[in-house]
Protein backbone atom coordinates (compact mmCIF):
# COMPACT_ATOMS: atom_id res chain seq x y z
CA MET A 1 -0.06 -0.05 -0.04
CA GLU A 2 2.89 2.38 0.90
CA SER A 3 4.12 2.07 -2.73
CA VAL A 4 0.85 3.31 -4.12
CA LEU A 5 0.16 6.38 -1.95
CA THR A 6 2.74 9.23 -2.20
CA PRO A 7 3.96 10.63 1.15
CA PRO A 8 3.63 14.20 2.02
CA LEU A 9 6.45 16.42 0.76
CA PRO A 10 9.20 17.46 3.44
CA PHE A 11 8.05 20.10 5.62
CA LYS A 12 9.92 23.44 5.03
CA PHE A 13 9.81 26.51 7.06
CA GLU A 14 11.78 29.72 7.74
CA GLU A 15 11.79 30.93 11.42
CA ASN A 16 11.65 34.53 11.03
CA VAL A 17 10.10 37.42 12.91
CA THR A 18 6.82 37.50 10.72
CA ASN A 19 6.09 33.70 11.24
CA MET A 20 6.82 33.61 14.76
CA ALA A 21 4.57 36.59 15.56
CA PHE A 22 1.53 35.41 13.42
CA GLY A 23 1.82 32.07 14.16
CA THR A 24 1.76 30.97 10.50
CA LEU A 25 4.72 28.50 11.38
CA CYS A 26 2.76 26.77 14.02
CA GLU A 27 -0.35 26.47 11.69
CA SER A 28 1.86 25.26 8.68
CA TRP A 29 3.30 22.49 11.05
CA GLU A 30 -0.03 21.46 11.97
CA LYS A 31 -1.40 21.09 8.60
CA TRP A 32 1.67 18.94 7.61
CA LYS A 33 1.29 16.78 10.84
CA ASN A 34 -2.34 16.14 9.72
CA GLY A 35 -1.29 15.12 6.26
CA PHE A 36 1.23 12.35 7.68
CA GLN A 37 -1.01 11.02 10.10
CA ILE A 38 -3.61 10.51 7.34
CA TYR A 39 -0.80 8.67 5.31
CA VAL A 40 0.01 6.57 8.35
CA LYS A 41 -3.37 5.36 8.64
CA ALA A 42 -3.88 4.96 4.86
CA CYS A 43 -0.69 2.80 4.49
CA GLU A 44 -1.34 0.86 7.77
CA LEU A 45 2.15 1.97 9.17
CA ASN A 46 0.99 1.66 12.73
CA LYS A 47 1.17 -2.22 12.30
CA LYS A 48 4.87 -1.81 11.92
CA SER A 49 7.22 -1.76 14.73
CA GLU A 50 7.97 1.89 16.29
CA GLU A 51 11.49 1.81 15.13
CA ILE A 52 10.25 1.69 11.50
CA GLN A 53 7.46 4.31 11.94
CA MET A 54 9.91 6.59 13.51
CA ASN A 55 12.52 6.07 10.73
CA ILE A 56 9.57 6.68 8.05
CA PHE A 57 8.76 9.62 9.77
CA LEU A 58 12.37 11.25 9.95
CA HIS A 59 12.60 10.25 6.13
CA VAL A 60 9.37 12.07 5.08
CA VAL A 61 9.55 15.19 7.55
CA GLY A 62 12.74 16.43 5.84
CA GLU A 63 16.29 17.79 6.86
CA GLN A 64 15.11 20.86 8.54
CA CYS A 65 12.95 18.88 11.07
CA ARG A 66 15.55 16.18 11.56
CA GLU A 67 18.16 18.87 12.92
CA ILE A 68 15.48 19.77 15.49
CA VAL A 69 15.36 16.14 16.63
CA GLU A 70 19.11 15.72 16.46
CA GLN A 71 20.01 18.91 18.81
CA SER A 72 17.10 17.92 21.32
CA SER A 73 18.47 16.15 24.28
CA THR A 74 15.26 14.19 24.72
CA LYS A 75 15.57 10.36 23.30
CA CYS A 76 12.33 9.48 21.72
CA THR A 77 11.36 5.70 21.66
CA THR A 78 7.74 6.02 19.93
CA LEU A 79 6.63 7.75 16.99
CA THR A 80 4.00 9.71 19.25
CA ALA A 81 6.89 11.04 21.27
CA LEU A 82 8.86 11.94 18.45
CA ILE A 83 5.99 14.08 16.91
CA GLY A 84 5.53 15.57 20.27
CA LEU A 85 9.02 16.77 20.26
CA VAL A 86 8.67 18.56 17.01
CA ASP A 87 5.35 19.87 18.19
CA ASN A 88 6.84 21.61 21.29
CA HIS A 89 9.33 23.30 18.92
CA PHE A 90 6.94 24.84 16.69
CA LYS A 91 4.27 25.68 19.59
CA ALA A 92 6.96 27.47 21.47
CA LYS A 93 6.97 29.79 18.46
CA LYS A 94 3.30 30.81 18.79
CA ASN A 95 2.07 33.75 20.39
CA VAL A 96 -1.44 33.09 21.88
CA THR A 97 -2.17 36.72 22.69
CA VAL A 98 -1.32 37.54 18.86
CA GLU A 99 -3.78 34.64 17.85
CA ARG A 100 -6.42 35.82 19.92
CA HIS A 101 -6.36 39.07 18.48
CA ARG A 102 -6.59 38.06 15.16
CA PHE A 103 -9.45 35.94 15.95
CA PHE A 104 -11.37 38.86 17.76
CA THR A 105 -10.79 41.38 14.83
CA ARG A 106 -11.66 38.91 12.15
CA GLN A 107 -14.60 40.71 10.26
CA GLN A 108 -16.52 39.15 7.65
CA GLY A 109 -15.39 40.09 3.91
CA GLU A 110 -17.73 41.89 1.53
CA HIS A 111 -18.14 38.97 -0.61
CA GLU A 112 -17.71 36.23 1.94
CA SER A 113 -20.62 33.79 2.84
CA ILE A 114 -21.77 33.28 6.43
CA ASP A 115 -20.51 29.68 6.23
CA GLN A 116 -17.20 30.77 4.68
CA TYR A 117 -16.86 33.32 7.74
CA VAL A 118 -17.70 30.76 10.57
CA PHE A 119 -15.16 28.31 8.96
CA GLU A 120 -12.59 30.89 9.02
CA LEU A 121 -13.22 31.61 12.52
CA ARG A 122 -12.89 28.02 13.42
CA LYS A 123 -9.52 27.82 11.96
CA LEU A 124 -8.35 30.65 14.04
CA ALA A 125 -10.01 29.40 17.20
CA GLN A 126 -7.68 26.23 16.88
CA SER A 127 -4.65 28.14 17.78
CA CYS A 128 -6.21 30.26 20.46
CA GLU A 129 -6.65 27.68 23.12
CA PHE A 130 -10.17 28.33 23.82
CA SER A 131 -11.03 24.92 24.91
CA ASN A 132 -14.55 24.40 25.78
CA LEU A 133 -15.31 27.96 25.07
CA SER A 134 -14.54 27.64 21.16
CA ASP A 135 -18.25 27.66 20.17
CA GLY A 136 -19.55 30.48 22.18
CA LEU A 137 -16.72 32.80 21.41
CA ILE A 138 -17.23 31.97 17.59
CA LYS A 139 -20.98 32.67 18.00
CA ASP A 140 -19.99 36.08 19.76
CA ARG A 141 -17.55 36.99 17.04
CA LEU A 142 -20.06 36.16 14.23
CA ILE A 143 -22.49 38.64 15.70
CA CYS A 144 -20.07 41.52 16.05
CA GLY A 145 -18.17 40.72 12.74
CA ILE A 146 -21.02 40.12 10.32
CA VAL A 147 -21.67 42.72 7.65
CA SER A 148 -25.39 42.94 7.78
CA ALA A 149 -26.83 45.17 10.45
CA ALA A 150 -30.26 43.67 10.09
CA ILE A 151 -29.11 40.13 10.73
CA ARG A 152 -27.10 41.26 13.63
CA GLU A 153 -30.05 43.02 15.21
CA ARG A 154 -32.25 39.83 14.72
CA LEU A 155 -29.44 37.61 16.31
CA LEU A 156 -29.32 39.94 19.35
CA ARG A 157 -32.97 39.61 20.06
CA GLU A 158 -32.59 35.74 20.62
CA ASP A 159 -32.09 34.30 24.17
CA ASP A 160 -29.86 31.53 24.79
CA LEU A 161 -28.52 31.70 21.31
CA THR A 162 -26.01 29.09 20.40
CA LEU A 163 -23.80 28.65 17.13
CA ASP A 164 -25.86 26.22 15.42
CA LYS A 165 -29.04 28.34 15.83
CA ALA A 166 -27.17 31.70 14.95
CA LEU A 167 -26.08 29.97 11.79
CA GLU A 168 -29.85 28.85 10.95
CA ILE A 169 -31.04 32.30 11.37
CA CYS A 170 -28.41 33.73 9.36
CA ARG A 171 -29.14 31.38 6.57
CA ALA A 172 -32.78 31.92 6.60
CA ALA A 173 -32.27 35.60 6.52
CA ILE A 174 -30.03 35.58 3.45
CA VAL A 175 -32.64 33.20 1.63
CA SER A 176 -35.14 35.73 2.35
CA LYS A 177 -33.33 38.72 1.30
CA MET A 178 -32.49 36.94 -1.96
CA TYR A 179 -36.30 36.09 -2.47
CA SER A 180 -37.32 39.48 -2.06
CA GLU A 181 -34.65 40.78 -4.44
CA ASP A 182 -35.92 38.33 -6.85
CA ILE A 183 -39.59 39.47 -6.43
CA LYS A 184 -38.42 43.42 -6.74
CA ARG A 185 -36.51 42.57 -10.14
CA GLU A 186 -39.62 40.82 -11.52
CA CYS A 187 -41.83 43.66 -10.58
CA SER A 188 -39.41 46.04 -12.00
CA SER A 189 -39.04 44.28 -15.24
CA GLU A 190 -42.75 44.01 -15.48
CA ILE A 191 -43.42 47.77 -15.01
CA LYS A 192 -40.65 48.57 -17.42
CA SER A 193 -42.56 46.23 -20.06
CA ASN A 194 -45.89 47.71 -19.30
CA GLU A 195 -44.38 51.38 -19.87
CA VAL A 196 -42.84 50.14 -23.05
CA CYS A 197 -46.14 48.95 -24.18
CA ALA A 198 -47.88 52.10 -23.08
CA VAL A 199 -45.45 54.11 -25.12
CA SER A 200 -45.68 51.95 -28.09
CA ASN A 201 -49.69 52.09 -27.76
CA LYS A 202 -49.52 55.83 -27.60
CA GLU A 203 -47.25 56.10 -30.76
CA VAL A 204 -49.47 53.59 -32.69
CA TYR A 205 -52.21 55.91 -31.56
CA GLU A 206 -50.56 59.11 -32.59
CA ILE A 207 -49.57 57.46 -36.04
CA LYS A 208 -53.20 56.40 -36.61
CA ARG A 209 -54.58 59.81 -35.35
CA ALA A 210 -52.11 61.65 -37.83
CA GLY A 211 -53.03 59.24 -40.67
CA ALA A 212 -56.84 59.79 -40.06
CA LYS A 213 -56.10 63.51 -40.22
CA VAL A 214 -54.16 63.20 -43.16
CA GLU A 215 -57.08 61.20 -44.82
CA ALA A 216 -59.86 63.54 -43.64
CA GLY A 217 -57.65 66.52 -45.10
CA SER A 218 -57.31 64.81 -48.47
CA SER A 219 -60.94 64.14 -48.62
CA SER A 220 -62.22 67.31 -47.48
CA GLY A 221 -59.24 69.41 -48.52
CA ARG A 222 -58.79 71.79 -51.10
CA GLY A 223 -59.16 71.41 -54.88
CA TRP A 224 -57.52 73.33 -57.33
CA ARG A 225 -58.75 76.87 -57.82
CA GLY A 226 -56.45 77.99 -60.57
CA ARG A 227 -53.02 77.63 -58.80
CA GLY A 228 -54.53 77.37 -55.22
CA TRP A 229 -56.73 74.66 -53.30
CA LEU A 230 -60.41 74.94 -53.08
CA PRO A 231 -62.18 73.49 -49.99
CA GLY A 232 -64.31 70.56 -50.50
CA ALA A 233 -62.36 68.97 -53.46
CA GLY A 234 -60.60 65.94 -52.41
CA ALA A 235 -58.66 63.24 -54.32
CA GLY A 236 -60.21 62.14 -57.75
CA ARG A 237 -62.45 65.30 -57.92
CA ARG A 238 -62.26 67.49 -61.06
CA ALA A 239 -60.93 70.95 -61.15
CA VAL A 240 -63.16 73.97 -61.45
CA SER A 241 -62.93 77.39 -62.77
CA SER A 242 -61.93 80.11 -60.32
CA ALA A 243 -64.18 82.85 -61.98
CA PRO A 244 -67.81 82.89 -61.69
CA GLY A 245 -69.50 81.29 -64.78
CA PRO A 246 -72.26 78.99 -65.76
CA ALA A 247 -70.54 75.99 -64.80
CA ALA A 248 -70.32 77.02 -61.09
CA ALA A 249 -73.86 78.26 -61.18
CA GLY A 250 -75.45 75.35 -63.02
CA GLY A 251 -73.54 72.74 -61.01
CA GLN A 252 -71.63 71.09 -64.12
CA HIS A 253 -67.99 70.48 -64.00
CA ARG A 254 -66.05 72.70 -66.52
CA ALA A 255 -62.40 73.28 -67.51
CA PRO A 256 -60.59 76.12 -66.03
CA PRO A 257 -61.41 79.14 -68.24
CA ALA A 258 -58.77 80.34 -70.78
CA GLN A 259 -56.91 83.16 -69.11
CA ARG A 260 -54.07 83.97 -71.97
CA GLY A 261 -54.03 87.27 -73.26
CA GLY A 262 -56.47 88.56 -70.48
CA ARG A 263 -59.57 87.30 -72.32
CA CYS A 264 -62.47 86.46 -70.20
CA GLY A 265 -63.65 82.64 -70.27
CA GLN A 266 -67.37 83.85 -70.21
CA CYS A 267 -67.68 86.45 -72.91
CA GLY A 268 -64.46 85.99 -74.83
CA GLY A 269 -63.41 89.69 -74.60
CA VAL A 270 -61.12 91.70 -72.46
CA HIS A 271 -62.75 94.00 -69.38
CA LYS A 272 -62.31 94.85 -65.74
CA LYS A 273 -62.79 92.19 -62.93
CA TYR A 274 -66.62 91.65 -62.40
CA ASP A 275 -67.52 93.81 -65.58
CA CYS A 276 -68.25 90.81 -67.81
CA PRO A 277 -71.02 91.57 -70.27
CA ALA A 278 -72.09 87.94 -70.39
CA TYR A 279 -73.07 88.26 -66.81
CA GLY A 280 -76.94 87.76 -66.58
CA ARG A 281 -77.17 86.64 -70.07
CA THR A 282 -78.52 82.96 -71.33
CA CYS A 283 -76.24 80.69 -73.63
CA MET A 284 -77.87 79.86 -76.79
CA LYS A 285 -76.34 76.26 -76.74
CA CYS A 286 -76.95 75.04 -73.29
CA SER A 287 -79.62 77.65 -72.21
CA ARG A 288 -77.46 78.20 -69.02
CA PRO A 289 -76.73 81.66 -67.58
CA ASN A 290 -73.65 84.07 -67.61
CA HIS A 291 -71.81 83.20 -70.70
CA TYR A 292 -71.86 83.32 -74.45
CA ALA A 293 -72.60 80.40 -76.85
CA ARG A 294 -69.28 80.95 -78.35
CA MET A 295 -67.45 80.37 -75.10
CA CYS A 296 -69.83 77.55 -74.16
CA ARG A 297 -68.12 74.22 -73.13
CA VAL A 298 -70.80 72.02 -72.03
CA TYR A 299 -71.35 70.46 -75.49
CA MET A 300 -67.62 69.29 -75.21
CA VAL A 301 -68.06 67.73 -72.04
CA GLU A 302 -71.16 66.00 -72.76
CA GLU A 303 -69.83 64.80 -75.96
CA SER A 304 -66.80 63.14 -74.44
CA ASP A 305 -69.11 61.48 -71.85
CA GLU A 306 -71.18 60.09 -74.70
CA GLN A 307 -68.08 58.48 -76.29
CA ASP A 308 -66.99 57.15 -73.03
CA SER A 309 -70.33 55.39 -72.44
CA GLU A 310 -70.34 54.22 -76.14
CA GLY A 311 -66.89 52.89 -75.85
CA SER A 312 -67.90 51.12 -72.25
CA ARG A 313 -70.54 49.16 -74.16
């Protein structure tokens, strides 16, 4: 079995001021020792003699730790005593006051979960020698160091609060907060979608309204009066004359009068405005008022209408 499992790497360390002050040296040694004990149990080295176990330990632990054993005056006969010798060397480098200061000043990180925060507090408490007070002090440090003031207030209202109960309250509060935030996001997105729909409906309404105005303007807009528009003439309507004449009086559609050379379309002569001699006269062709027979155009319109009706037949 020992040929299959790889033993831990040799333990290497630096005995500088920083490692001794902050206890990192002792913490690193504890991690290595736990790894070696797992290796011993997995490979069933405890079934071998004490001498073989001690030699395996000295081989795996590395040269620096072997020097510590060689310089010690204590003679070890078991593996447990040998490991304890190295323990005493590194524990002497640990400052309990510094370790406890690190524990009591540990705050929850901004993006650190409650469980991760408690896990880190447990690690710090191992080197603080709290003994049976460990869980109670971790609970107190959790209340003091948690980021959320609302959760802290909730924990302070509890009587006979334990670490396990504090963790349950924190987890329930976090789940409730996340659920509330999801509901707010859903409501906010729904409100925004309704606002977008309202705006789009308003735009559609305005477009339809503008189209209705345009259509109404085209149907009741202006027809041509010479070069202008005449109210009441929409698309498809015929142009009418701007000057008063028999077509306007009789209700028939006539072509605009000829204005070239200043000649009147009712009498054919030249005169001042509203001084037409044909006004009040009756046409000899169509028997309609206000124009002479030589300027009558009704016959031409009727003839073209009859030709159109014969062609459609």
